[in-house]
Amino acid sequence: MQLQVFYAMLDQKYHGKHPLGKSTTEILAETQDQHYGLPHVANTAWQLRFGHLVGYGAKYYSYLMSRAVAAWTWQQVFKDNPFSRSAGEKYRRQLLSHGGSVPARDLVSNFLQKDVTPMNLAGSLISDIDSANVDALPQA
């Protein structure tokens, strides 16, 4: 997850204020040293071979948004009974059946009966990480 946050931040910096004022490698080094657990390795420029930073144009964060909505949906609707027919039908009817005709934010808010806010999205990611950590603990 930390890597995805780092990529999203780097993408925002590359596609933000222009001119950048520094080389993409200098921006990478600063961002990595500030926001990632492993320091930048000098004389490398892996960003030149990472196509997502070009093709997505400041939208790499959508991976995190998607994961947050998926985690939130799982936690609120499917966690207790992943094979619930009624929950699956509700998901199909309230989310999938609209295609692109309704804004995604409205679909998610209506389905989960909560506003889509940064706090709710972050909370779902934190809960997802917490539950993964608990599930990974050895059983006594």
C-alpha atoms as a PDB file:
ATOM      1  CA  MET A   1       0.000   0.000   0.000  1.00  0.00           C
ATOM      2  CA  GLN A   2       2.831   2.401   0.835  1.00  0.00           C
ATOM      3  CA  LEU A   3       4.228   1.859  -2.656  1.00  0.00           C
ATOM      4  CA  GLN A   4       0.866   2.743  -4.227  1.00  0.00           C
ATOM      5  CA  VAL A   5       0.675   5.936  -2.153  1.00  0.00           C
ATOM      6  CA  PHE A   6       4.211   6.815  -3.233  1.00  0.00           C
ATOM      7  CA  TYR A   7       3.384   6.243  -6.920  1.00  0.00           C
ATOM      8  CA  ALA A   8       0.237   8.361  -6.614  1.00  0.00           C
ATOM      9  CA  MET A   9       2.137  11.209  -4.957  1.00  0.00           C
ATOM     10  CA  LEU A  10       4.875  11.073  -7.577  1.00  0.00           C
ATOM     11  CA  ASP A  11       2.273  11.111 -10.350  1.00  0.00           C
ATOM     12  CA  GLN A  12       0.617  14.190  -8.845  1.00  0.00           C
ATOM     13  CA  LYS A  13       3.955  15.990  -8.644  1.00  0.00           C
ATOM     14  CA  TYR A  14       4.883  15.145 -12.229  1.00  0.00           C
ATOM     15  CA  HIS A  15       1.537  16.354 -13.553  1.00  0.00           C
ATOM     16  CA  GLY A  16       1.075  19.313 -11.219  1.00  0.00           C
ATOM     17  CA  LYS A  17       2.656  22.737 -11.272  1.00  0.00           C
ATOM     18  CA  HIS A  18       4.697  23.477 -14.394  1.00  0.00           C
ATOM     19  CA  PRO A  19       7.441  24.007 -15.138  1.00  0.00           C
ATOM     20  CA  LEU A  20       8.660  21.385 -12.696  1.00  0.00           C
ATOM     21  CA  GLY A  21      11.858  23.279 -11.950  1.00  0.00           C
ATOM     22  CA  LYS A  22      13.821  20.057 -11.461  1.00  0.00           C
ATOM     23  CA  SER A  23      14.474  16.895 -13.396  1.00  0.00           C
ATOM     24  CA  THR A  24      12.030  14.032 -12.999  1.00  0.00           C
ATOM     25  CA  THR A  25      14.810  12.071 -11.305  1.00  0.00           C
ATOM     26  CA  GLU A  26      15.391  14.826  -8.736  1.00  0.00           C
ATOM     27  CA  ILE A  27      11.648  14.949  -8.025  1.00  0.00           C
ATOM     28  CA  LEU A  28      11.589  11.158  -7.740  1.00  0.00           C
ATOM     29  CA  ALA A  29      14.498  11.175  -5.271  1.00  0.00           C
ATOM     30  CA  GLU A  30      12.878  13.856  -3.078  1.00  0.00           C
ATOM     31  CA  THR A  31       9.478  12.182  -3.097  1.00  0.00           C
ATOM     32  CA  GLN A  32      10.872   8.724  -2.438  1.00  0.00           C
ATOM     33  CA  ASP A  33      13.097   9.904   0.396  1.00  0.00           C
ATOM     34  CA  GLN A  34      10.168  11.760   2.007  1.00  0.00           C
ATOM     35  CA  HIS A  35       7.322   9.298   1.468  1.00  0.00           C
ATOM     36  CA  TYR A  36       8.653   5.787   1.011  1.00  0.00           C
ATOM     37  CA  GLY A  37      10.406   3.362   3.322  1.00  0.00           C
ATOM     38  CA  LEU A  38      13.355   2.725   1.026  1.00  0.00           C
ATOM     39  CA  PRO A  39      15.683   5.565   0.061  1.00  0.00           C
ATOM     40  CA  HIS A  40      16.268   6.554  -3.535  1.00  0.00           C
ATOM     41  CA  VAL A  41      19.270   4.881  -5.183  1.00  0.00           C
ATOM     42  CA  ALA A  42      21.496   7.451  -6.872  1.00  0.00           C
ATOM     43  CA  ASN A  43      22.099   7.256 -10.623  1.00  0.00           C
ATOM     44  CA  THR A  44      18.856   5.418 -11.333  1.00  0.00           C
ATOM     45  CA  ALA A  45      15.877   6.648 -13.300  1.00  0.00           C
ATOM     46  CA  TRP A  46      13.307   3.845 -13.169  1.00  0.00           C
ATOM     47  CA  GLN A  47      10.510   6.374 -13.646  1.00  0.00           C
ATOM     48  CA  LEU A  48      11.527   6.590 -17.311  1.00  0.00           C
ATOM     49  CA  ARG A  49      10.462   2.960 -17.748  1.00  0.00           C
ATOM     50  CA  PHE A  50       7.304   3.070 -15.627  1.00  0.00           C
ATOM     51  CA  GLY A  51       4.582   3.796 -18.170  1.00  0.00           C
ATOM     52  CA  HIS A  52       1.800   4.359 -15.644  1.00  0.00           C
ATOM     53  CA  LEU A  53       3.289   7.722 -14.739  1.00  0.00           C
ATOM     54  CA  VAL A  54       2.871   8.909 -18.326  1.00  0.00           C
ATOM     55  CA  GLY A  55      -0.261   7.155 -19.514  1.00  0.00           C
ATOM     56  CA  TYR A  56      -2.430   7.952 -16.511  1.00  0.00           C
ATOM     57  CA  GLY A  57      -1.744  11.690 -16.367  1.00  0.00           C
ATOM     58  CA  ALA A  58      -2.198  12.440 -12.634  1.00  0.00           C
ATOM     59  CA  LYS A  59      -4.751   9.676 -12.139  1.00  0.00           C
ATOM     60  CA  TYR A  60      -2.591   6.935 -10.623  1.00  0.00           C
ATOM     61  CA  TYR A  61      -4.392   7.576  -7.317  1.00  0.00           C
ATOM     62  CA  SER A  62      -7.431   5.838  -8.820  1.00  0.00           C
ATOM     63  CA  TYR A  63      -5.861   2.499  -7.840  1.00  0.00           C
ATOM     64  CA  LEU A  64      -6.093   3.547  -4.200  1.00  0.00           C
ATOM     65  CA  MET A  65      -9.613   4.890  -4.660  1.00  0.00           C
ATOM     66  CA  SER A  66     -10.715   1.602  -6.204  1.00  0.00           C
ATOM     67  CA  ARG A  67      -9.116  -0.402  -3.428  1.00  0.00           C
ATOM     68  CA  ALA A  68     -10.760   1.808  -0.808  1.00  0.00           C
ATOM     69  CA  VAL A  69     -14.230   1.374  -2.328  1.00  0.00           C
ATOM     70  CA  ALA A  70     -13.710  -2.386  -2.707  1.00  0.00           C
ATOM     71  CA  ALA A  71     -12.533  -2.715   0.902  1.00  0.00           C
ATOM     72  CA  TRP A  72     -15.408  -0.584   2.157  1.00  0.00           C
ATOM     73  CA  THR A  73     -17.927  -2.643   0.179  1.00  0.00           C
ATOM     74  CA  TRP A  74     -16.445  -5.885   1.500  1.00  0.00           C
ATOM     75  CA  GLN A  75     -16.450  -4.655   5.108  1.00  0.00           C
ATOM     76  CA  GLN A  76     -19.996  -3.288   5.016  1.00  0.00           C
ATOM     77  CA  VAL A  77     -21.770  -5.798   2.792  1.00  0.00           C
ATOM     78  CA  PHE A  78     -19.937  -9.058   2.176  1.00  0.00           C
ATOM     79  CA  LYS A  79     -17.553  -9.744   5.076  1.00  0.00           C
ATOM     80  CA  ASP A  80     -20.017 -11.688   7.212  1.00  0.00           C
ATOM     81  CA  ASN A  81     -21.440 -13.675   4.304  1.00  0.00           C
ATOM     82  CA  PRO A  82     -19.451 -13.444   1.060  1.00  0.00           C
ATOM     83  CA  PHE A  83     -21.930 -15.696  -0.749  1.00  0.00           C
ATOM     84  CA  SER A  84     -25.092 -13.832   0.291  1.00  0.00           C
ATOM     85  CA  ARG A  85     -27.452 -13.910  -2.658  1.00  0.00           C
ATOM     86  CA  SER A  86     -29.393 -10.877  -1.434  1.00  0.00           C
ATOM     87  CA  ALA A  87     -26.200  -8.835  -0.987  1.00  0.00           C
ATOM     88  CA  GLY A  88     -25.012  -9.883  -4.442  1.00  0.00           C
ATOM     89  CA  GLU A  89     -28.344  -8.946  -6.003  1.00  0.00           C
ATOM     90  CA  LYS A  90     -28.296  -5.591  -4.232  1.00  0.00           C
ATOM     91  CA  TYR A  91     -24.746  -5.013  -5.534  1.00  0.00           C
ATOM     92  CA  ARG A  92     -25.800  -5.883  -9.072  1.00  0.00           C
ATOM     93  CA  ARG A  93     -28.974  -3.810  -8.931  1.00  0.00           C
ATOM     94  CA  GLN A  94     -27.649  -0.705  -7.143  1.00  0.00           C
ATOM     95  CA  LEU A  95     -24.103  -0.525  -8.541  1.00  0.00           C
ATOM     96  CA  LEU A  96     -23.469  -2.578 -11.651  1.00  0.00           C
ATOM     97  CA  SER A  97     -26.752  -2.134 -13.497  1.00  0.00           C
ATOM     98  CA  HIS A  98     -26.237   1.601 -14.037  1.00  0.00           C
ATOM     99  CA  GLY A  99     -23.077   1.291 -16.096  1.00  0.00           C
ATOM    100  CA  GLY A 100     -21.696   4.786 -16.544  1.00  0.00           C
ATOM    101  CA  SER A 101     -25.040   6.585 -16.363  1.00  0.00           C
ATOM    102  CA  VAL A 102     -24.766   7.610 -12.691  1.00  0.00           C
ATOM    103  CA  PRO A 103     -21.706   9.227 -11.086  1.00  0.00           C
ATOM    104  CA  ALA A 104     -19.641   6.624  -9.221  1.00  0.00           C
ATOM    105  CA  ARG A 105     -19.652   8.693  -6.036  1.00  0.00           C
ATOM    106  CA  ASP A 106     -23.472   8.663  -5.995  1.00  0.00           C
ATOM    107  CA  LEU A 107     -23.619   4.917  -6.649  1.00  0.00           C
ATOM    108  CA  VAL A 108     -21.247   4.133  -3.796  1.00  0.00           C
ATOM    109  CA  SER A 109     -22.954   6.564  -1.393  1.00  0.00           C
ATOM    110  CA  ASN A 110     -26.378   5.129  -2.146  1.00  0.00           C
ATOM    111  CA  PHE A 111     -25.193   1.535  -1.932  1.00  0.00           C
ATOM    112  CA  LEU A 112     -23.282   1.902   1.338  1.00  0.00           C
ATOM    113  CA  GLN A 113     -25.645   4.501   2.839  1.00  0.00           C
ATOM    114  CA  LYS A 114     -22.721   6.773   3.742  1.00  0.00           C
ATOM    115  CA  ASP A 115     -21.116   9.770   2.081  1.00  0.00           C
ATOM    116  CA  VAL A 116     -17.953   9.136   0.117  1.00  0.00           C
ATOM    117  CA  THR A 117     -15.484  11.289   2.017  1.00  0.00           C
ATOM    118  CA  PRO A 118     -11.711  11.146   2.304  1.00  0.00           C
ATOM    119  CA  MET A 119     -12.111  10.021   5.929  1.00  0.00           C
ATOM    120  CA  ASN A 120     -14.432   7.148   5.005  1.00  0.00           C
ATOM    121  CA  LEU A 121     -12.163   6.042   2.162  1.00  0.00           C
ATOM    122  CA  ALA A 122      -9.040   6.232   4.335  1.00  0.00           C
ATOM    123  CA  GLY A 123     -10.876   4.431   7.116  1.00  0.00           C
ATOM    124  CA  SER A 124     -11.742   1.551   4.820  1.00  0.00           C
ATOM    125  CA  LEU A 125      -8.093   1.216   3.759  1.00  0.00           C
ATOM    126  CA  ILE A 126      -6.917   1.298   7.371  1.00  0.00           C
ATOM    127  CA  SER A 127      -9.484  -1.339   8.356  1.00  0.00           C
ATOM    128  CA  ASP A 128      -8.400  -3.458   5.405  1.00  0.00           C
ATOM    129  CA  ILE A 129      -4.762  -3.285   6.510  1.00  0.00           C
ATOM    130  CA  ASP A 130      -5.688  -3.978  10.139  1.00  0.00           C
ATOM    131  CA  SER A 131      -7.748  -7.048   9.252  1.00  0.00           C
ATOM    132  CA  ALA A 132      -4.984  -8.368   6.977  1.00  0.00           C
ATOM    133  CA  ASN A 133      -2.484  -7.977   9.810  1.00  0.00           C
ATOM    134  CA  VAL A 134      -4.763  -9.751  12.288  1.00  0.00           C
ATOM    135  CA  ASP A 135      -5.431 -12.576   9.823  1.00  0.00           C
ATOM    136  CA  ALA A 136      -1.671 -13.026   9.333  1.00  0.00           C
ATOM    137  CA  LEU A 137      -1.000 -13.577  13.032  1.00  0.00           C
ATOM    138  CA  PRO A 138      -0.113 -17.159  13.984  1.00  0.00           C
ATOM    139  CA  GLN A 139      -2.910 -19.054  15.642  1.00  0.00           C
ATOM    140  CA  ALA A 140      -2.265 -20.224  19.218  1.00  0.00           C
END
